């Protein structure tokens, strides 16, 4: 499995980092049990309180096509599929989400918050699943048209903490067991070192409020908004 740095897709542009485009694309990543979905919801609430237009989405899913693919991908009693087919279905869901939700949101000046994006594909099917990491970045660039988040948060937790939070397997991916989940956690940390865009690694073992405060500070900085009084 390749560990070389991935090809560098262009990073989408946001006003908070001085790039001149109107919208801002934020993403939360991490292994199951990290708390990223909770933090994505809290971030959306914060942005709405600040009076900003917000679009939220989850990957896979978020569109009629994506929701059907999500059900197929995560159904524990679904049809068997190989790792490469699984990867391509995730990419198809993401391609539709970019075209139908993310790009229109950015073009209308909104802040887009996504619960997972391309990094999850690279980790779950690449670092943990055995597919070539560099090749996944290339497929991802084609699926997204090169659109990458302006800022990604990787919420990291020790495996024991994640396991305690999630309990037993809930979907087809989580059925893969402890060895796979361990490769996922370490894959995220490895991928973060060569990630083609701004990324902040956060200790998800902290309290939800502490994690939210860290995310809030980084987001306000990127958006060019001073600390709240």
Protein backbone atom coordinates (compact mmCIF):
# COMPACT_ATOMS: atom_id res chain seq x y z
CA UNK A 1 0.00 0.00 0.00
CA UNK A 2 1.48 3.31 -1.05
CA UNK A 3 2.28 5.88 1.63
CA UNK A 4 3.69 8.52 -0.70
CA UNK A 5 2.21 11.99 -0.64
CA UNK A 6 -1.00 12.15 -2.69
CA UNK A 7 -1.36 14.32 -5.78
CA UNK A 8 -2.27 17.82 -4.72
CA UNK A 9 -5.81 18.70 -5.86
CA UNK A 10 -6.69 22.38 -5.86
CA UNK A 11 -8.08 23.64 -2.56
CA UNK A 12 -11.44 25.39 -2.75
CA UNK A 13 -11.29 29.04 -1.86
CA UNK A 14 -12.89 30.89 1.02
CA UNK A 15 -13.02 34.56 2.01
CA UNK A 16 -11.65 33.81 5.46
CA UNK A 17 -8.33 32.68 4.01
CA UNK A 18 -8.06 35.48 1.54
CA UNK A 19 -8.86 33.57 -1.63
CA UNK A 20 -11.68 35.70 -2.98
CA UNK A 21 -14.45 33.12 -3.44
CA UNK A 22 -17.75 33.67 -1.67
CA UNK A 23 -18.43 30.44 0.22
CA UNK A 24 -16.42 28.43 2.74
CA UNK A 25 -16.20 24.65 2.85
CA UNK A 26 -15.65 23.00 6.26
CA UNK A 27 -15.40 19.28 6.91
CA UNK A 28 -15.24 17.04 9.97
CA UNK A 29 -13.49 13.68 9.73
CA UNK A 30 -12.56 10.89 12.08
CA UNK A 31 -13.18 7.25 12.98
CA UNK A 32 -16.57 6.04 14.14
CA UNK A 33 -17.04 7.01 17.78
CA UNK A 34 -14.92 10.15 17.56
CA UNK A 35 -17.93 12.43 17.99
CA UNK A 36 -17.55 14.21 14.67
CA UNK A 37 -21.26 14.05 13.80
CA UNK A 38 -22.14 15.68 17.12
CA UNK A 39 -19.55 18.36 16.49
CA UNK A 40 -20.76 18.93 12.92
CA UNK A 41 -24.27 19.59 14.26
CA UNK A 42 -22.92 21.95 16.93
CA UNK A 43 -20.88 23.80 14.33
CA UNK A 44 -23.95 24.30 12.14
CA UNK A 45 -25.83 25.70 15.16
CA UNK A 46 -22.96 28.10 15.91
CA UNK A 47 -22.81 29.40 12.35
CA UNK A 48 -26.57 29.92 12.25
CA UNK A 49 -26.41 31.87 15.53
CA UNK A 50 -23.81 34.09 13.90
CA UNK A 51 -26.32 34.86 11.15
CA UNK A 52 -24.47 33.02 8.40
CA UNK A 53 -26.09 31.01 5.63
CA UNK A 54 -25.24 27.36 6.23
CA UNK A 55 -25.58 24.17 4.22
CA UNK A 56 -24.99 20.87 6.03
CA UNK A 57 -24.48 17.47 4.45
CA UNK A 58 -23.20 14.01 5.25
CA UNK A 59 -21.00 11.75 3.17
CA UNK A 60 -22.18 9.30 1.90
CA UNK A 61 -25.70 10.58 1.40
CA UNK A 62 -27.20 14.03 1.28
CA UNK A 63 -28.97 13.55 -2.06
CA UNK A 64 -31.63 11.09 -3.25
CA UNK A 65 -28.93 9.12 -5.10
CA UNK A 66 -26.50 9.40 -2.20
CA UNK A 67 -29.06 8.20 0.33
CA UNK A 68 -29.76 5.10 -1.76
CA UNK A 69 -26.05 4.40 -2.08
CA UNK A 70 -25.58 4.96 1.65
CA UNK A 71 -28.21 2.33 2.41
CA UNK A 72 -26.53 -0.11 0.03
CA UNK A 73 -23.07 0.57 1.46
CA UNK A 74 -23.95 0.30 5.14
CA UNK A 75 -26.64 -2.38 5.16
CA UNK A 76 -25.27 -5.32 7.19
CA UNK A 77 -27.51 -7.71 5.21
CA UNK A 78 -26.85 -6.11 1.83
CA UNK A 79 -25.26 -7.52 -1.27
CA UNK A 80 -21.59 -8.59 -1.06
CA UNK A 81 -19.13 -6.17 -2.63
CA UNK A 82 -15.39 -5.92 -3.05
CA UNK A 83 -13.31 -3.08 -1.64
CA UNK A 84 -12.85 -1.43 -5.05
CA UNK A 85 -16.57 -1.50 -5.82
CA UNK A 86 -17.25 -0.11 -2.33
CA UNK A 87 -14.83 2.73 -2.94
CA UNK A 88 -16.42 3.62 -6.26
CA UNK A 89 -19.92 3.73 -4.75
CA UNK A 90 -18.68 6.16 -2.09
CA UNK A 91 -17.10 8.26 -4.84
CA UNK A 92 -20.36 8.26 -6.84
CA UNK A 93 -22.32 9.46 -3.82
CA UNK A 94 -19.76 12.21 -3.23
CA UNK A 95 -19.75 13.30 -6.87
CA UNK A 96 -23.51 13.84 -6.74
CA UNK A 97 -23.26 15.67 -3.42
CA UNK A 98 -20.62 18.03 -4.80
CA UNK A 99 -22.70 18.82 -7.88
CA UNK A 100 -26.08 19.08 -6.15
CA UNK A 101 -25.25 20.51 -2.72
CA UNK A 102 -21.69 21.65 -2.06
CA UNK A 103 -20.84 23.69 -5.16
CA UNK A 104 -24.24 25.43 -5.30
CA UNK A 105 -23.90 26.26 -1.60
CA UNK A 106 -20.45 27.74 -2.07
CA UNK A 107 -21.52 29.66 -5.17
CA UNK A 108 -24.39 31.22 -3.20
CA UNK A 109 -21.99 32.42 -0.50
CA UNK A 110 -22.91 29.92 2.20
CA UNK A 111 -20.76 28.02 4.65
CA UNK A 112 -20.91 24.32 3.80
CA UNK A 113 -20.36 21.86 6.67
CA UNK A 114 -19.83 18.24 5.64
CA UNK A 115 -19.80 15.24 7.96
CA UNK A 116 -17.01 13.30 6.18
CA UNK A 117 -15.57 13.82 2.71
CA UNK A 118 -12.81 12.39 0.53
CA UNK A 119 -10.34 11.73 3.36
CA UNK A 120 -12.65 9.04 4.74
CA UNK A 121 -12.53 7.18 1.41
CA UNK A 122 -8.74 7.35 1.37
CA UNK A 123 -8.55 5.98 4.92
CA UNK A 124 -11.33 3.38 5.03
CA UNK A 125 -10.68 1.82 1.61
CA UNK A 126 -7.01 2.79 1.28
CA UNK A 127 -5.02 2.84 4.51
CA UNK A 128 -7.36 0.34 6.21
CA UNK A 129 -8.77 -1.50 3.20
CA UNK A 130 -5.62 -2.10 1.18
CA UNK A 131 -6.31 -0.08 -1.97
CA UNK A 132 -3.54 2.15 -3.32
CA UNK A 133 -3.71 5.46 -1.49
CA UNK A 134 -2.31 7.58 -4.30
CA UNK A 135 -4.78 6.06 -6.74
CA UNK A 136 -7.67 6.90 -4.41
CA UNK A 137 -6.65 10.54 -4.36
CA UNK A 138 -6.69 10.51 -8.16
CA UNK A 139 -10.17 8.97 -8.34
CA UNK A 140 -11.31 11.42 -5.69
CA UNK A 141 -10.03 14.36 -7.70
CA UNK A 142 -12.06 13.17 -10.68
CA UNK A 143 -15.19 12.58 -8.58
CA UNK A 144 -15.10 15.99 -6.90
CA UNK A 145 -13.71 18.07 -9.75
CA UNK A 146 -10.78 18.90 -7.45
CA UNK A 147 -12.97 20.51 -4.79
CA UNK A 148 -11.39 20.21 -1.34
CA UNK A 149 -12.44 21.72 1.99
CA UNK A 150 -11.04 25.08 3.05
CA UNK A 151 -10.55 23.58 6.50
CA UNK A 152 -10.81 19.98 7.72
CA UNK A 153 -11.08 18.90 11.34
CA UNK A 154 -9.82 15.43 12.16
CA UNK A 155 -11.36 14.39 15.48
CA UNK A 156 -9.10 11.65 16.83
CA UNK A 157 -9.87 9.28 19.70
CA UNK A 158 -8.13 6.19 21.10
CA UNK A 159 -9.74 2.98 19.94
CA UNK A 160 -10.95 2.06 23.44
CA UNK A 161 -12.79 5.37 23.72
CA UNK A 162 -14.39 4.96 20.31
CA UNK A 163 -15.45 1.41 21.12
CA UNK A 164 -17.02 2.49 24.42
CA UNK A 165 -18.99 5.21 22.66
CA UNK A 166 -20.31 3.11 19.79
CA UNK A 167 -20.87 -0.24 21.46
CA UNK A 168 -21.14 -3.17 19.06
CA UNK A 169 -21.14 -3.04 15.25
CA UNK A 170 -24.05 -1.05 13.83
CA UNK A 171 -23.42 -1.33 10.08
CA UNK A 172 -21.51 -3.33 7.48
CA UNK A 173 -18.29 -1.31 7.83
CA UNK A 174 -18.22 -1.64 11.61
CA UNK A 175 -18.64 -5.42 11.27
CA UNK A 176 -15.02 -5.61 10.11
CA UNK A 177 -13.70 -5.85 13.64
CA UNK A 178 -10.97 -4.45 15.84
CA UNK A 179 -8.08 -4.87 13.43
CA UNK A 180 -9.82 -2.87 10.74
CA UNK A 181 -10.86 -0.14 13.19
CA UNK A 182 -7.28 0.12 14.42
CA UNK A 183 -6.04 0.58 10.85
CA UNK A 184 -8.70 3.26 10.33
CA UNK A 185 -7.59 5.26 13.37
CA UNK A 186 -3.89 5.09 12.46
CA UNK A 187 -4.70 5.68 8.79
CA UNK A 188 -6.36 8.99 9.60
CA UNK A 189 -3.31 10.12 11.57
CA UNK A 190 -0.94 9.04 8.81
CA UNK A 191 -3.02 10.67 6.08
CA UNK A 192 -3.17 13.93 8.03
CA UNK A 193 0.60 14.31 7.67
CA UNK A 194 0.35 14.66 3.88
CA UNK A 195 -3.19 15.97 3.55
CA UNK A 196 -3.57 18.33 0.56
CA UNK A 197 -5.22 21.19 2.44
CA UNK A 198 -5.50 22.86 5.84
CA UNK A 199 -6.25 20.28 8.54
CA UNK A 200 -6.52 20.53 12.33
CA UNK A 201 -6.20 17.37 14.45
CA UNK A 202 -8.29 17.56 17.63
CA UNK A 203 -8.24 15.31 20.68
CA UNK A 204 -11.76 13.89 20.62
CA UNK A 205 -11.31 12.26 24.03
CA UNK A 206 -11.89 15.68 25.59
CA UNK A 207 -15.38 16.72 26.65
CA UNK A 208 -17.78 17.68 23.83
CA UNK A 209 -17.65 21.30 25.02
CA UNK A 210 -13.84 21.40 24.88
CA UNK A 211 -13.83 19.95 21.38
CA UNK A 212 -16.53 22.39 20.26
CA UNK A 213 -14.60 25.35 21.67
CA UNK A 214 -11.48 24.32 19.77
CA UNK A 215 -13.42 23.96 16.53
CA UNK A 216 -15.18 27.27 17.10
CA UNK A 217 -11.92 29.14 17.54
CA UNK A 218 -10.46 27.74 14.33
CA UNK A 219 -13.62 28.40 12.33
CA UNK A 220 -13.93 32.00 13.51
CA UNK A 221 -10.30 32.54 12.53
CA UNK A 222 -10.82 31.10 9.04
CA UNK A 223 -14.00 33.14 8.53
CA UNK A 224 -12.23 36.29 9.70
CA UNK A 225 -14.59 36.76 12.63
CA UNK A 226 -13.17 37.91 15.97
CA UNK A 227 -13.77 36.05 19.23
CA UNK A 228 -17.28 36.40 20.58
CA UNK A 229 -17.66 38.73 23.57
